[in-house]
């Protein structure tokens, strides 16, 4: 099967360059020919290309190309607790705790997708939202991209969970989440990145003052 073009995504709109990046970038990777699709299903395509590296070296490149944008939200209660979802994961055969997260098709507004995930996985809706982080996940072998939010002003909502998921919901102090990340008990990269971004937002005025104080309670932020 011939490979189709990569899926468009609003993730890439208005992407800034780091302040230290100059204009003299290396030559980009190039695909030599159209390549081929070696596998596809409703969630992803696996493509194979004869490619040329920036160094000029030839490469046989296989990429997992996702059909959805990953979206997730760390729900923040006014008392400084957060909502996490526990579930079994197939790839690593492990039980994980994550923030509510899932996939938004590229033809859907990512914000509508993440609101749906919050209702489906946590049974919540939120009055206030703030985008926290944009990520490229495993970008040497995958084009999967993610947008994470924090949300507060939480109230109950009705959502329909996926029929393959048996979910458990935990409400824990934000300080406990940070502690468990540092202890290695919470390893989902999307959750870890969003939690640390929420921590920084709480420290620098990116969240309402009372909410920020409650999130930071119990955290030792001074150098030891």
N, C-alpha and C. Protein backbone atom coordinates (compact mmCIF):
# COMPACT_ATOMS: atom_id res chain seq x y z
N UNK A 1 0.84 -1.20 0.00
CA UNK A 1 0.00 0.00 0.00
C UNK A 1 0.87 1.25 0.00
N UNK A 2 0.49 2.22 -0.79
CA UNK A 2 1.21 3.49 -0.81
C UNK A 2 0.88 4.30 0.44
N UNK A 3 1.84 5.03 0.92
CA UNK A 3 1.65 5.87 2.11
C UNK A 3 0.94 7.16 1.74
N UNK A 4 -0.06 7.54 2.53
CA UNK A 4 -0.70 8.84 2.36
C UNK A 4 0.04 9.87 3.20
N UNK A 5 -0.25 11.14 2.95
CA UNK A 5 0.42 12.21 3.70
C UNK A 5 0.07 12.14 5.17
N UNK A 6 0.95 12.68 6.00
CA UNK A 6 0.71 12.74 7.44
C UNK A 6 -0.56 13.55 7.71
N UNK A 7 -1.27 13.18 8.77
CA UNK A 7 -2.51 13.87 9.13
C UNK A 7 -2.21 15.30 9.58
N UNK A 8 -3.03 16.26 9.14
CA UNK A 8 -2.85 17.63 9.63
C UNK A 8 -3.31 17.73 11.07
N UNK A 9 -2.80 18.74 11.79
CA UNK A 9 -3.19 18.91 13.18
C UNK A 9 -3.00 20.36 13.60
N UNK A 10 -3.98 20.91 14.36
CA UNK A 10 -3.79 22.27 14.90
C UNK A 10 -2.66 22.36 15.91
N UNK A 11 -2.17 21.20 16.35
CA UNK A 11 -1.04 21.15 17.28
C UNK A 11 0.15 21.95 16.75
N UNK A 12 0.34 21.94 15.43
CA UNK A 12 1.54 22.54 14.85
C UNK A 12 1.39 24.01 14.50
N UNK A 13 0.19 24.58 14.71
CA UNK A 13 -0.01 25.99 14.37
C UNK A 13 0.80 26.89 15.30
N UNK A 14 1.45 27.90 14.72
CA UNK A 14 2.15 28.93 15.51
C UNK A 14 3.17 28.34 16.47
N UNK A 15 3.90 27.36 16.01
CA UNK A 15 4.91 26.73 16.88
C UNK A 15 6.13 27.63 17.00
N UNK A 16 6.50 28.05 18.21
CA UNK A 16 7.67 28.92 18.36
C UNK A 16 8.96 28.11 18.34
N UNK A 17 10.05 28.77 18.03
CA UNK A 17 11.38 28.16 18.14
C UNK A 17 12.00 28.57 19.47
N UNK A 18 12.81 27.71 20.09
CA UNK A 18 13.49 28.10 21.33
C UNK A 18 14.37 29.33 21.11
N UNK A 19 14.53 30.12 22.17
CA UNK A 19 15.28 31.37 22.07
C UNK A 19 16.72 31.15 21.63
N UNK A 20 17.29 29.98 21.95
CA UNK A 20 18.70 29.72 21.63
C UNK A 20 18.90 29.16 20.22
N UNK A 21 17.80 28.87 19.51
CA UNK A 21 17.93 28.24 18.19
C UNK A 21 18.26 29.29 17.14
N UNK A 22 19.32 29.05 16.39
CA UNK A 22 19.67 29.96 15.31
C UNK A 22 19.00 29.57 14.01
N UNK A 23 19.42 30.21 12.93
CA UNK A 23 18.85 29.95 11.60
C UNK A 23 19.61 28.88 10.83
N UNK A 24 20.79 28.50 11.31
CA UNK A 24 21.64 27.57 10.55
C UNK A 24 21.34 26.12 10.96
N UNK A 25 20.11 25.67 10.71
CA UNK A 25 19.72 24.31 11.08
C UNK A 25 20.26 23.30 10.08
N UNK A 26 20.49 22.07 10.54
CA UNK A 26 20.92 21.02 9.60
C UNK A 26 19.85 20.76 8.55
N UNK A 27 20.26 20.14 7.45
CA UNK A 27 19.32 19.72 6.42
C UNK A 27 18.28 18.77 7.01
N UNK A 28 17.00 18.94 6.71
CA UNK A 28 15.99 18.03 7.26
C UNK A 28 16.13 16.61 6.70
N UNK A 29 15.55 15.66 7.43
CA UNK A 29 15.36 14.31 6.88
C UNK A 29 14.51 14.41 5.61
N UNK A 30 14.78 13.55 4.66
CA UNK A 30 13.95 13.49 3.46
C UNK A 30 13.55 12.05 3.19
N UNK A 31 12.35 11.88 2.63
CA UNK A 31 11.86 10.57 2.21
C UNK A 31 12.18 10.40 0.74
N UNK A 32 12.78 9.27 0.38
CA UNK A 32 13.17 9.00 -1.00
C UNK A 32 12.07 8.17 -1.66
N UNK A 33 11.13 8.84 -2.30
CA UNK A 33 10.00 8.14 -2.88
C UNK A 33 8.76 8.30 -1.99
N UNK A 34 7.71 7.55 -2.34
CA UNK A 34 6.44 7.70 -1.66
C UNK A 34 6.32 6.84 -0.41
N UNK A 35 7.16 5.84 -0.25
CA UNK A 35 7.05 4.97 0.90
C UNK A 35 5.84 4.07 0.82
N UNK A 36 5.56 3.33 1.89
CA UNK A 36 4.44 2.41 1.89
C UNK A 36 3.85 2.29 3.28
N UNK A 37 2.57 1.92 3.31
CA UNK A 37 1.90 1.59 4.56
C UNK A 37 2.04 0.09 4.78
N UNK A 38 2.63 -0.30 5.90
CA UNK A 38 2.82 -1.72 6.18
C UNK A 38 1.76 -2.28 7.12
N UNK A 39 1.03 -1.39 7.80
CA UNK A 39 -0.07 -1.81 8.67
C UNK A 39 -0.93 -0.61 8.96
N UNK A 40 -2.25 -0.82 9.08
CA UNK A 40 -3.11 0.26 9.54
C UNK A 40 -4.37 -0.31 10.17
N UNK A 41 -4.90 0.46 11.13
CA UNK A 41 -6.18 0.14 11.76
C UNK A 41 -6.86 1.47 12.09
N UNK A 42 -7.98 1.48 12.78
CA UNK A 42 -8.64 2.77 13.04
C UNK A 42 -7.84 3.75 13.90
N UNK A 43 -6.78 3.28 14.57
CA UNK A 43 -6.04 4.14 15.50
C UNK A 43 -4.70 4.63 14.97
N UNK A 44 -4.07 3.87 14.08
CA UNK A 44 -2.76 4.29 13.59
C UNK A 44 -2.42 3.62 12.28
N UNK A 45 -1.41 4.17 11.63
CA UNK A 45 -0.80 3.55 10.45
C UNK A 45 0.69 3.39 10.73
N UNK A 46 1.27 2.32 10.25
CA UNK A 46 2.71 2.13 10.32
C UNK A 46 3.26 2.27 8.91
N UNK A 47 4.17 3.23 8.73
CA UNK A 47 4.72 3.49 7.41
C UNK A 47 6.20 3.14 7.37
N UNK A 48 6.65 2.82 6.18
CA UNK A 48 8.07 2.50 5.96
C UNK A 48 8.58 3.32 4.79
N UNK A 49 9.70 4.00 5.00
CA UNK A 49 10.28 4.86 3.97
C UNK A 49 11.77 4.59 3.81
N UNK A 50 12.22 4.62 2.58
CA UNK A 50 13.65 4.79 2.32
C UNK A 50 13.92 6.28 2.52
N UNK A 51 14.84 6.60 3.43
CA UNK A 51 15.04 7.99 3.83
C UNK A 51 16.51 8.35 3.80
N UNK A 52 16.76 9.67 3.77
CA UNK A 52 18.12 10.19 3.85
C UNK A 52 18.23 11.08 5.08
N UNK A 53 19.21 10.78 5.93
CA UNK A 53 19.41 11.53 7.18
C UNK A 53 20.06 12.89 6.89
N UNK A 54 20.03 13.81 7.85
CA UNK A 54 20.72 15.09 7.69
C UNK A 54 22.20 14.94 7.38
N UNK A 55 22.79 13.83 7.78
CA UNK A 55 24.21 13.58 7.50
C UNK A 55 24.46 13.06 6.09
N UNK A 56 23.36 12.72 5.39
CA UNK A 56 23.49 12.11 4.07
C UNK A 56 23.44 10.60 4.09
N UNK A 57 23.41 10.01 5.28
CA UNK A 57 23.35 8.55 5.40
C UNK A 57 21.97 8.05 5.01
N UNK A 58 21.94 6.87 4.37
CA UNK A 58 20.67 6.25 4.00
C UNK A 58 20.08 5.52 5.21
N UNK A 59 18.76 5.50 5.29
CA UNK A 59 18.08 4.85 6.42
C UNK A 59 16.80 4.19 5.94
N UNK A 60 16.45 3.10 6.61
CA UNK A 60 15.18 2.42 6.41
C UNK A 60 14.31 2.80 7.60
N UNK A 61 13.34 3.73 7.42
CA UNK A 61 12.65 4.34 8.54
C UNK A 61 11.21 3.87 8.64
N UNK A 62 10.87 3.34 9.81
CA UNK A 62 9.51 2.91 10.11
C UNK A 62 8.94 3.84 11.18
N UNK A 63 7.73 4.34 10.94
CA UNK A 63 7.11 5.31 11.83
C UNK A 63 5.67 4.89 12.14
N UNK A 64 5.28 4.97 13.41
CA UNK A 64 3.88 4.82 13.81
C UNK A 64 3.21 6.18 13.71
N UNK A 65 2.19 6.27 12.85
CA UNK A 65 1.52 7.54 12.58
C UNK A 65 0.09 7.46 13.11
N UNK A 66 -0.17 8.24 14.16
CA UNK A 66 -1.44 8.13 14.86
C UNK A 66 -2.54 8.91 14.14
N UNK A 67 -3.76 8.39 14.24
CA UNK A 67 -4.91 9.01 13.60
C UNK A 67 -5.63 10.00 14.51
N UNK A 68 -5.19 10.09 15.76
CA UNK A 68 -5.80 11.00 16.72
C UNK A 68 -4.73 11.84 17.39
N UNK A 69 -5.14 12.99 17.86
CA UNK A 69 -4.31 13.84 18.72
C UNK A 69 -4.58 13.42 20.16
N UNK A 70 -3.54 13.14 20.93
CA UNK A 70 -3.72 12.79 22.33
C UNK A 70 -4.13 14.04 23.11
N UNK A 71 -5.17 13.90 23.93
CA UNK A 71 -5.65 15.01 24.75
C UNK A 71 -5.81 14.51 26.18
N UNK A 72 -5.53 15.38 27.15
CA UNK A 72 -5.66 14.99 28.55
C UNK A 72 -5.84 16.20 29.42
N UNK A 73 -6.36 15.96 30.62
CA UNK A 73 -6.61 17.07 31.54
C UNK A 73 -6.34 16.61 32.97
N UNK A 74 -5.67 17.48 33.73
CA UNK A 74 -5.49 17.26 35.16
C UNK A 74 -6.57 18.07 35.87
N UNK A 75 -7.60 17.40 36.43
CA UNK A 75 -8.68 18.12 37.10
C UNK A 75 -8.26 18.56 38.51
N UNK A 76 -8.45 19.83 38.80
CA UNK A 76 -8.01 20.43 40.06
C UNK A 76 -9.22 20.82 40.90
N UNK A 77 -9.37 20.22 42.05
CA UNK A 77 -10.42 20.64 42.98
C UNK A 77 -9.94 21.86 43.78
N UNK A 78 -10.90 22.64 44.27
CA UNK A 78 -10.57 23.88 44.96
C UNK A 78 -9.74 23.64 46.22
N UNK A 79 -9.86 22.45 46.83
CA UNK A 79 -9.12 22.17 48.06
C UNK A 79 -7.70 21.67 47.81
N UNK A 80 -7.25 21.67 46.55
CA UNK A 80 -5.89 21.25 46.24
C UNK A 80 -5.74 19.78 45.93
N UNK A 81 -6.84 19.06 45.83
CA UNK A 81 -6.78 17.66 45.40
C UNK A 81 -6.96 17.58 43.89
N UNK A 82 -6.52 16.48 43.31
CA UNK A 82 -6.63 16.26 41.88
C UNK A 82 -7.26 14.89 41.63
N UNK A 83 -7.77 14.71 40.43
CA UNK A 83 -8.42 13.46 40.05
C UNK A 83 -7.49 12.66 39.14
N UNK A 84 -7.32 11.40 39.50
CA UNK A 84 -6.55 10.46 38.69
C UNK A 84 -7.41 9.24 38.37
N UNK A 85 -7.07 8.58 37.28
CA UNK A 85 -7.82 7.42 36.83
C UNK A 85 -6.87 6.22 36.76
N UNK A 86 -7.27 5.11 37.36
CA UNK A 86 -6.46 3.89 37.33
C UNK A 86 -7.04 2.89 36.36
N UNK A 87 -6.17 2.23 35.59
CA UNK A 87 -6.63 1.21 34.66
C UNK A 87 -5.48 0.30 34.25
N UNK A 88 -5.84 -0.88 33.76
CA UNK A 88 -4.86 -1.80 33.19
C UNK A 88 -4.51 -1.33 31.78
N UNK A 89 -3.22 -1.42 31.44
CA UNK A 89 -2.74 -1.09 30.10
C UNK A 89 -2.16 -2.34 29.45
N UNK A 90 -2.48 -2.54 28.17
CA UNK A 90 -2.04 -3.75 27.47
C UNK A 90 -0.56 -3.76 27.08
N UNK A 91 -0.01 -2.68 26.48
CA UNK A 91 1.35 -2.77 25.94
C UNK A 91 2.40 -3.21 26.94
N UNK A 92 2.39 -2.64 28.15
CA UNK A 92 3.38 -3.01 29.17
C UNK A 92 2.80 -3.94 30.23
N UNK A 93 1.54 -4.36 30.04
CA UNK A 93 0.87 -5.30 30.95
C UNK A 93 0.98 -4.82 32.40
N UNK A 94 0.63 -3.55 32.63
CA UNK A 94 0.74 -3.00 33.98
C UNK A 94 -0.50 -2.18 34.34
N UNK A 95 -0.64 -1.93 35.63
CA UNK A 95 -1.72 -1.08 36.13
C UNK A 95 -1.16 0.30 36.36
N UNK A 96 -1.82 1.32 35.80
CA UNK A 96 -1.27 2.66 35.83
C UNK A 96 -2.30 3.65 36.35
N UNK A 97 -1.79 4.73 36.95
CA UNK A 97 -2.61 5.87 37.35
C UNK A 97 -2.25 7.05 36.47
N UNK A 98 -3.27 7.63 35.86
CA UNK A 98 -3.09 8.71 34.90
C UNK A 98 -4.15 9.78 35.15
N UNK A 99 -3.95 10.95 34.56
CA UNK A 99 -5.04 11.90 34.47
C UNK A 99 -6.01 11.41 33.39
N UNK A 100 -7.25 11.89 33.35
CA UNK A 100 -8.14 11.54 32.25
C UNK A 100 -7.52 11.94 30.91
N UNK A 101 -7.45 11.00 29.99
CA UNK A 101 -6.83 11.28 28.70
C UNK A 101 -7.35 10.31 27.65
N UNK A 102 -7.19 10.71 26.39
CA UNK A 102 -7.66 9.88 25.29
C UNK A 102 -7.27 10.50 23.97
N UNK A 103 -8.02 10.20 22.92
CA UNK A 103 -7.69 10.68 21.59
C UNK A 103 -8.81 11.51 20.99
N UNK A 104 -8.43 12.59 20.30
CA UNK A 104 -9.37 13.43 19.56
C UNK A 104 -9.06 13.29 18.07
N UNK A 105 -10.01 12.85 17.26
CA UNK A 105 -9.76 12.78 15.82
C UNK A 105 -9.30 14.13 15.27
N UNK A 106 -8.51 14.09 14.22
CA UNK A 106 -7.94 15.33 13.69
C UNK A 106 -8.99 16.29 13.14
N UNK A 107 -10.17 15.76 12.82
CA UNK A 107 -11.22 16.65 12.34
C UNK A 107 -12.12 17.16 13.46
N UNK A 108 -11.73 16.90 14.72
CA UNK A 108 -12.48 17.38 15.88
C UNK A 108 -11.67 18.45 16.60
N UNK A 109 -12.35 19.44 17.15
CA UNK A 109 -11.70 20.43 18.00
C UNK A 109 -11.11 19.70 19.21
N UNK A 110 -9.79 19.80 19.45
CA UNK A 110 -9.19 19.07 20.59
C UNK A 110 -9.84 19.41 21.92
N UNK A 111 -10.33 20.65 22.07
CA UNK A 111 -10.96 21.04 23.32
C UNK A 111 -12.25 20.27 23.55
N UNK A 112 -13.01 20.03 22.48
CA UNK A 112 -14.21 19.21 22.61
C UNK A 112 -13.84 17.78 22.97
N UNK A 113 -12.73 17.29 22.41
CA UNK A 113 -12.29 15.94 22.73
C UNK A 113 -11.89 15.77 24.18
N UNK A 114 -11.18 16.75 24.73
CA UNK A 114 -10.72 16.60 26.12
C UNK A 114 -11.89 16.77 27.09
N UNK A 115 -12.86 17.61 26.76
CA UNK A 115 -14.05 17.71 27.61
C UNK A 115 -14.80 16.39 27.64
N UNK A 116 -14.86 15.71 26.51
CA UNK A 116 -15.50 14.40 26.46
C UNK A 116 -14.76 13.39 27.32
N UNK A 117 -13.43 13.39 27.26
CA UNK A 117 -12.64 12.45 28.06
C UNK A 117 -12.84 12.70 29.55
N UNK A 118 -12.93 13.96 29.97
CA UNK A 118 -13.14 14.28 31.38
C UNK A 118 -14.48 13.71 31.85
N UNK A 119 -15.51 13.85 31.04
CA UNK A 119 -16.82 13.31 31.41
C UNK A 119 -16.82 11.79 31.39
N UNK A 120 -16.21 11.19 30.37
CA UNK A 120 -16.24 9.74 30.23
C UNK A 120 -15.44 9.04 31.32
N UNK A 121 -14.26 9.55 31.62
CA UNK A 121 -13.36 8.84 32.53
C UNK A 121 -13.50 9.26 33.98
N UNK A 122 -13.87 10.50 34.23
CA UNK A 122 -13.95 10.98 35.62
C UNK A 122 -15.35 11.39 36.04
N UNK A 123 -16.30 11.44 35.10
CA UNK A 123 -17.65 11.86 35.44
C UNK A 123 -17.72 13.31 35.87
N UNK A 124 -16.90 14.16 35.23
CA UNK A 124 -16.81 15.56 35.62
C UNK A 124 -16.90 16.49 34.42
N UNK A 125 -17.28 17.72 34.69
CA UNK A 125 -17.13 18.83 33.76
C UNK A 125 -16.48 19.97 34.52
N UNK A 126 -15.91 20.92 33.78
CA UNK A 126 -15.16 22.01 34.43
C UNK A 126 -15.59 23.35 33.87
N UNK A 127 -15.64 24.34 34.76
CA UNK A 127 -15.98 25.70 34.35
C UNK A 127 -14.79 26.43 33.78
N UNK A 128 -13.58 26.15 34.31
CA UNK A 128 -12.38 26.88 33.90
C UNK A 128 -11.34 25.91 33.34
N UNK A 129 -10.76 26.30 32.23
CA UNK A 129 -9.74 25.48 31.56
C UNK A 129 -8.54 26.36 31.21
N UNK A 130 -7.36 25.75 31.26
CA UNK A 130 -6.16 26.44 30.79
C UNK A 130 -5.23 25.41 30.15
N UNK A 131 -4.82 25.70 28.92
CA UNK A 131 -3.87 24.79 28.28
C UNK A 131 -2.55 24.83 29.04
N UNK A 132 -1.99 23.65 29.29
CA UNK A 132 -0.78 23.56 30.11
C UNK A 132 0.45 23.16 29.32
N UNK A 133 0.32 22.26 28.35
CA UNK A 133 1.52 21.71 27.73
C UNK A 133 1.18 21.10 26.38
N UNK A 134 2.14 21.18 25.46
CA UNK A 134 2.08 20.47 24.18
C UNK A 134 3.31 19.58 24.08
N UNK A 135 3.10 18.36 23.66
CA UNK A 135 4.17 17.36 23.69
C UNK A 135 4.25 16.60 22.38
N UNK A 136 5.46 16.17 22.06
CA UNK A 136 5.70 15.15 21.04
C UNK A 136 6.13 13.89 21.78
N UNK A 137 5.39 12.81 21.60
CA UNK A 137 5.60 11.60 22.38
C UNK A 137 6.41 10.60 21.55
N UNK A 138 7.59 10.25 22.05
CA UNK A 138 8.45 9.26 21.38
C UNK A 138 8.68 9.64 19.91
N UNK A 139 9.19 10.86 19.68
CA UNK A 139 9.23 11.41 18.33
C UNK A 139 10.34 10.87 17.43
N UNK A 140 11.08 9.87 17.88
CA UNK A 140 12.03 9.22 16.98
C UNK A 140 11.37 8.10 16.18
N UNK A 141 10.25 7.56 16.68
CA UNK A 141 9.59 6.45 15.99
C UNK A 141 8.09 6.68 15.81
N UNK A 142 7.59 7.82 16.25
CA UNK A 142 6.15 8.07 16.22
C UNK A 142 5.90 9.54 15.97
N UNK A 143 4.75 9.83 15.31
CA UNK A 143 4.34 11.24 15.15
C UNK A 143 3.25 11.61 16.15
N UNK A 144 3.08 10.84 17.22
CA UNK A 144 2.02 11.12 18.19
C UNK A 144 2.30 12.44 18.91
N UNK A 145 1.27 13.27 18.96
CA UNK A 145 1.35 14.58 19.60
C UNK A 145 0.26 14.69 20.65
N UNK A 146 0.46 15.56 21.63
CA UNK A 146 -0.47 15.65 22.75
C UNK A 146 -0.64 17.09 23.20
N UNK A 147 -1.86 17.41 23.64
CA UNK A 147 -2.14 18.68 24.29
C UNK A 147 -2.75 18.38 25.65
N UNK A 148 -2.18 18.96 26.71
CA UNK A 148 -2.67 18.76 28.06
C UNK A 148 -3.21 20.05 28.65
N UNK A 149 -4.28 19.93 29.41
CA UNK A 149 -4.90 21.08 30.08
C UNK A 149 -4.92 20.86 31.59
N UNK A 150 -5.11 21.92 32.33
CA UNK A 150 -5.58 21.85 33.71
C UNK A 150 -6.97 22.46 33.72
N UNK A 151 -7.83 21.98 34.64
CA UNK A 151 -9.20 22.47 34.69
C UNK A 151 -9.66 22.53 36.14
N UNK A 152 -10.49 23.51 36.45
CA UNK A 152 -11.02 23.64 37.81
C UNK A 152 -12.44 24.19 37.72
N UNK A 153 -13.09 24.31 38.90
CA UNK A 153 -14.51 24.60 38.90
C UNK A 153 -15.27 23.35 38.49
N UNK A 154 -14.99 22.23 39.17
CA UNK A 154 -15.47 20.92 38.75
C UNK A 154 -16.86 20.62 39.30
N UNK A 155 -17.70 20.04 38.46
CA UNK A 155 -19.01 19.55 38.87
C UNK A 155 -19.26 18.22 38.17
N UNK A 156 -20.26 17.50 38.65
CA UNK A 156 -20.56 16.17 38.11
C UNK A 156 -21.08 16.27 36.68
N UNK A 157 -20.76 15.25 35.88
CA UNK A 157 -21.25 15.15 34.51
C UNK A 157 -21.46 13.68 34.19
N UNK A 158 -22.18 13.43 33.12
CA UNK A 158 -22.45 12.06 32.69
C UNK A 158 -21.66 11.78 31.42
N UNK A 159 -20.90 10.70 31.43
CA UNK A 159 -20.15 10.28 30.25
C UNK A 159 -20.17 8.77 30.13
N UNK A 160 -19.94 8.28 28.93
CA UNK A 160 -19.96 6.84 28.67
C UNK A 160 -18.53 6.35 28.47
N UNK A 161 -18.03 5.54 29.40
CA UNK A 161 -16.67 5.02 29.30
C UNK A 161 -16.55 4.03 28.14
N UNK A 162 -15.33 3.89 27.64
CA UNK A 162 -15.03 2.91 26.60
C UNK A 162 -15.33 1.50 27.11
N UNK A 163 -15.84 0.63 26.23
CA UNK A 163 -16.24 -0.70 26.69
C UNK A 163 -15.06 -1.63 26.95
N UNK A 164 -13.82 -1.16 26.70
CA UNK A 164 -12.63 -1.96 27.04
C UNK A 164 -11.98 -1.50 28.34
N UNK A 165 -12.51 -0.46 28.97
CA UNK A 165 -11.86 0.13 30.14
C UNK A 165 -12.65 -0.16 31.41
N UNK A 166 -11.95 -0.66 32.42
CA UNK A 166 -12.51 -0.75 33.77
C UNK A 166 -11.74 0.24 34.62
N UNK A 167 -12.34 1.37 34.89
CA UNK A 167 -11.64 2.50 35.49
C UNK A 167 -11.93 2.62 36.98
N UNK A 168 -10.93 3.06 37.71
CA UNK A 168 -11.09 3.47 39.10
C UNK A 168 -10.63 4.92 39.21
N UNK A 169 -11.38 5.69 39.98
CA UNK A 169 -11.10 7.11 40.13
C UNK A 169 -10.60 7.38 41.54
N UNK A 170 -9.51 8.13 41.65
CA UNK A 170 -8.96 8.51 42.95
C UNK A 170 -8.84 10.02 43.02
N UNK A 171 -9.18 10.57 44.19
CA UNK A 171 -9.01 12.00 44.46
C UNK A 171 -7.93 12.14 45.52
N UNK A 172 -6.79 12.72 45.14
CA UNK A 172 -5.63 12.74 46.02
C UNK A 172 -5.06 14.15 46.10
N UNK A 173 -4.41 14.51 47.20
CA UNK A 173 -3.73 15.82 47.26
C UNK A 173 -2.69 15.94 46.14
N UNK A 174 -2.60 17.13 45.57
CA UNK A 174 -1.63 17.37 44.50
C UNK A 174 -0.21 17.03 44.97
N UNK A 175 0.10 17.35 46.23
CA UNK A 175 1.42 17.04 46.77
C UNK A 175 1.68 15.54 46.73
N UNK A 176 0.66 14.72 46.95
CA UNK A 176 0.83 13.27 46.89
C UNK A 176 1.16 12.82 45.47
N UNK A 177 0.49 13.44 44.48
CA UNK A 177 0.80 13.10 43.09
C UNK A 177 2.25 13.41 42.77
N UNK A 178 2.72 14.59 43.14
CA UNK A 178 4.12 14.94 42.88
C UNK A 178 5.06 13.96 43.59
N UNK A 179 4.73 13.61 44.83
CA UNK A 179 5.56 12.66 45.58
C UNK A 179 5.60 11.31 44.87
N UNK A 180 4.47 10.82 44.41
CA UNK A 180 4.44 9.50 43.76
C UNK A 180 5.14 9.53 42.40
N UNK A 181 5.09 10.67 41.71
CA UNK A 181 5.89 10.81 40.48
C UNK A 181 7.37 10.70 40.81
N UNK A 182 7.80 11.42 41.84
CA UNK A 182 9.21 11.40 42.21
C UNK A 182 9.65 10.04 42.74
N UNK A 183 8.71 9.30 43.31
CA UNK A 183 9.01 7.96 43.82
C UNK A 183 9.01 6.92 42.71
N UNK A 184 8.55 7.28 41.53
CA UNK A 184 8.50 6.36 40.41
C UNK A 184 7.25 5.54 40.33
N UNK A 185 6.22 5.88 41.11
CA UNK A 185 4.98 5.10 41.10
C UNK A 185 4.02 5.56 40.02
N UNK A 186 4.12 6.81 39.57
CA UNK A 186 3.32 7.34 38.47
C UNK A 186 4.28 7.65 37.33
N UNK A 187 4.11 6.94 36.20
CA UNK A 187 5.11 7.04 35.12
C UNK A 187 4.52 7.45 33.77
N UNK A 188 3.23 7.58 33.68
CA UNK A 188 2.64 8.02 32.41
C UNK A 188 3.21 9.38 32.04
N UNK A 189 3.90 9.45 30.91
CA UNK A 189 4.65 10.66 30.57
C UNK A 189 3.75 11.88 30.40
N UNK A 190 2.57 11.68 29.84
CA UNK A 190 1.63 12.79 29.63
C UNK A 190 1.19 13.36 30.98
N UNK A 191 0.89 12.49 31.93
CA UNK A 191 0.48 12.92 33.27
C UNK A 191 1.62 13.62 34.00
N UNK A 192 2.82 13.04 33.91
CA UNK A 192 3.97 13.61 34.60
C UNK A 192 4.25 15.02 34.09
N UNK A 193 4.26 15.19 32.78
CA UNK A 193 4.56 16.50 32.21
C UNK A 193 3.50 17.52 32.60
N UNK A 194 2.24 17.12 32.56
CA UNK A 194 1.16 18.06 32.89
C UNK A 194 1.19 18.41 34.37
N UNK A 195 1.49 17.43 35.23
CA UNK A 195 1.56 17.71 36.67
C UNK A 195 2.67 18.71 36.98
N UNK A 196 3.84 18.54 36.39
CA UNK A 196 4.92 19.49 36.65
C UNK A 196 4.62 20.86 36.06
N UNK A 197 3.92 20.89 34.94
CA UNK A 197 3.51 22.19 34.40
C UNK A 197 2.49 22.85 35.32
N UNK A 198 1.58 22.06 35.89
CA UNK A 198 0.62 22.62 36.86
C UNK A 198 1.34 23.16 38.09
N UNK A 199 2.37 22.46 38.52
CA UNK A 199 3.16 22.93 39.66
C UNK A 199 3.77 24.29 39.34
N UNK A 200 4.35 24.42 38.19
CA UNK A 200 4.96 25.69 37.80
C UNK A 200 3.92 26.79 37.67
N UNK A 201 2.76 26.46 37.13
CA UNK A 201 1.68 27.45 37.01
C UNK A 201 1.23 27.93 38.38
N UNK A 202 1.16 27.01 39.34
CA UNK A 202 0.77 27.39 40.70
C UNK A 202 1.81 28.30 41.34
N UNK A 203 3.07 28.10 40.99
CA UNK A 203 4.15 28.90 41.57
C UNK A 203 4.27 30.29 40.96
N UNK A 204 3.81 30.46 39.74
CA UNK A 204 4.11 31.69 39.00
C UNK A 204 2.87 32.51 38.63
N UNK A 205 1.75 32.27 39.28
CA UNK A 205 0.57 33.08 39.03
C UNK A 205 -0.29 32.63 37.88
N UNK A 206 -0.06 31.42 37.39
CA UNK A 206 -0.86 30.92 36.28
C UNK A 206 -2.18 30.32 36.68
N UNK A 207 -2.45 30.27 37.99
CA UNK A 207 -3.71 29.74 38.51
C UNK A 207 -4.26 30.72 39.55
N UNK A 208 -5.56 30.66 39.85
CA UNK A 208 -6.11 31.55 40.89
C UNK A 208 -5.35 31.37 42.20
N UNK A 209 -5.12 32.46 42.95
CA UNK A 209 -4.27 32.41 44.14
C UNK A 209 -4.68 31.37 45.18
N UNK A 210 -5.96 31.29 45.51
CA UNK A 210 -6.37 30.33 46.53
C UNK A 210 -6.16 28.90 46.06
N UNK A 211 -6.50 28.62 44.82
CA UNK A 211 -6.27 27.29 44.26
C UNK A 211 -4.78 26.97 44.26
N UNK A 212 -3.95 27.93 43.87
CA UNK A 212 -2.50 27.72 43.84
C UNK A 212 -1.98 27.40 45.23
N UNK A 213 -2.42 28.15 46.24
CA UNK A 213 -1.95 27.90 47.61
C UNK A 213 -2.34 26.49 48.07
N UNK A 214 -3.55 26.07 47.75
CA UNK A 214 -3.98 24.75 48.18
C UNK A 214 -3.24 23.64 47.44
N UNK A 215 -2.93 23.86 46.18
CA UNK A 215 -2.14 22.86 45.45
C UNK A 215 -0.74 22.73 46.02
N UNK A 216 -0.15 23.84 46.40
CA UNK A 216 1.24 23.83 46.89
C UNK A 216 1.37 23.40 48.34
N UNK A 217 0.25 23.35 49.07
CA UNK A 217 0.31 22.93 50.48
C UNK A 217 0.86 21.51 50.57
N UNK A 218 1.77 21.33 51.47
CA UNK A 218 2.38 20.01 51.67
C UNK A 218 3.59 19.74 50.81
N UNK A 219 3.93 20.66 49.92
CA UNK A 219 5.12 20.50 49.10
C UNK A 219 6.27 21.30 49.68
N UNK A 220 7.43 20.68 49.76
CA UNK A 220 8.64 21.38 50.18
C UNK A 220 9.32 21.94 48.95
N UNK A 221 9.28 23.26 48.79
CA UNK A 221 9.80 23.88 47.59
C UNK A 221 11.14 24.57 47.79
N UNK A 222 11.67 24.51 49.00
CA UNK A 222 12.97 25.10 49.28
C UNK A 222 14.08 24.07 49.03
N UNK A 223 15.27 24.53 48.57
CA UNK A 223 16.39 23.58 48.39
C UNK A 223 16.73 22.90 49.71
N UNK A 224 17.00 21.60 49.64
CA UNK A 224 17.32 20.86 50.86
C UNK A 224 18.82 20.91 51.12
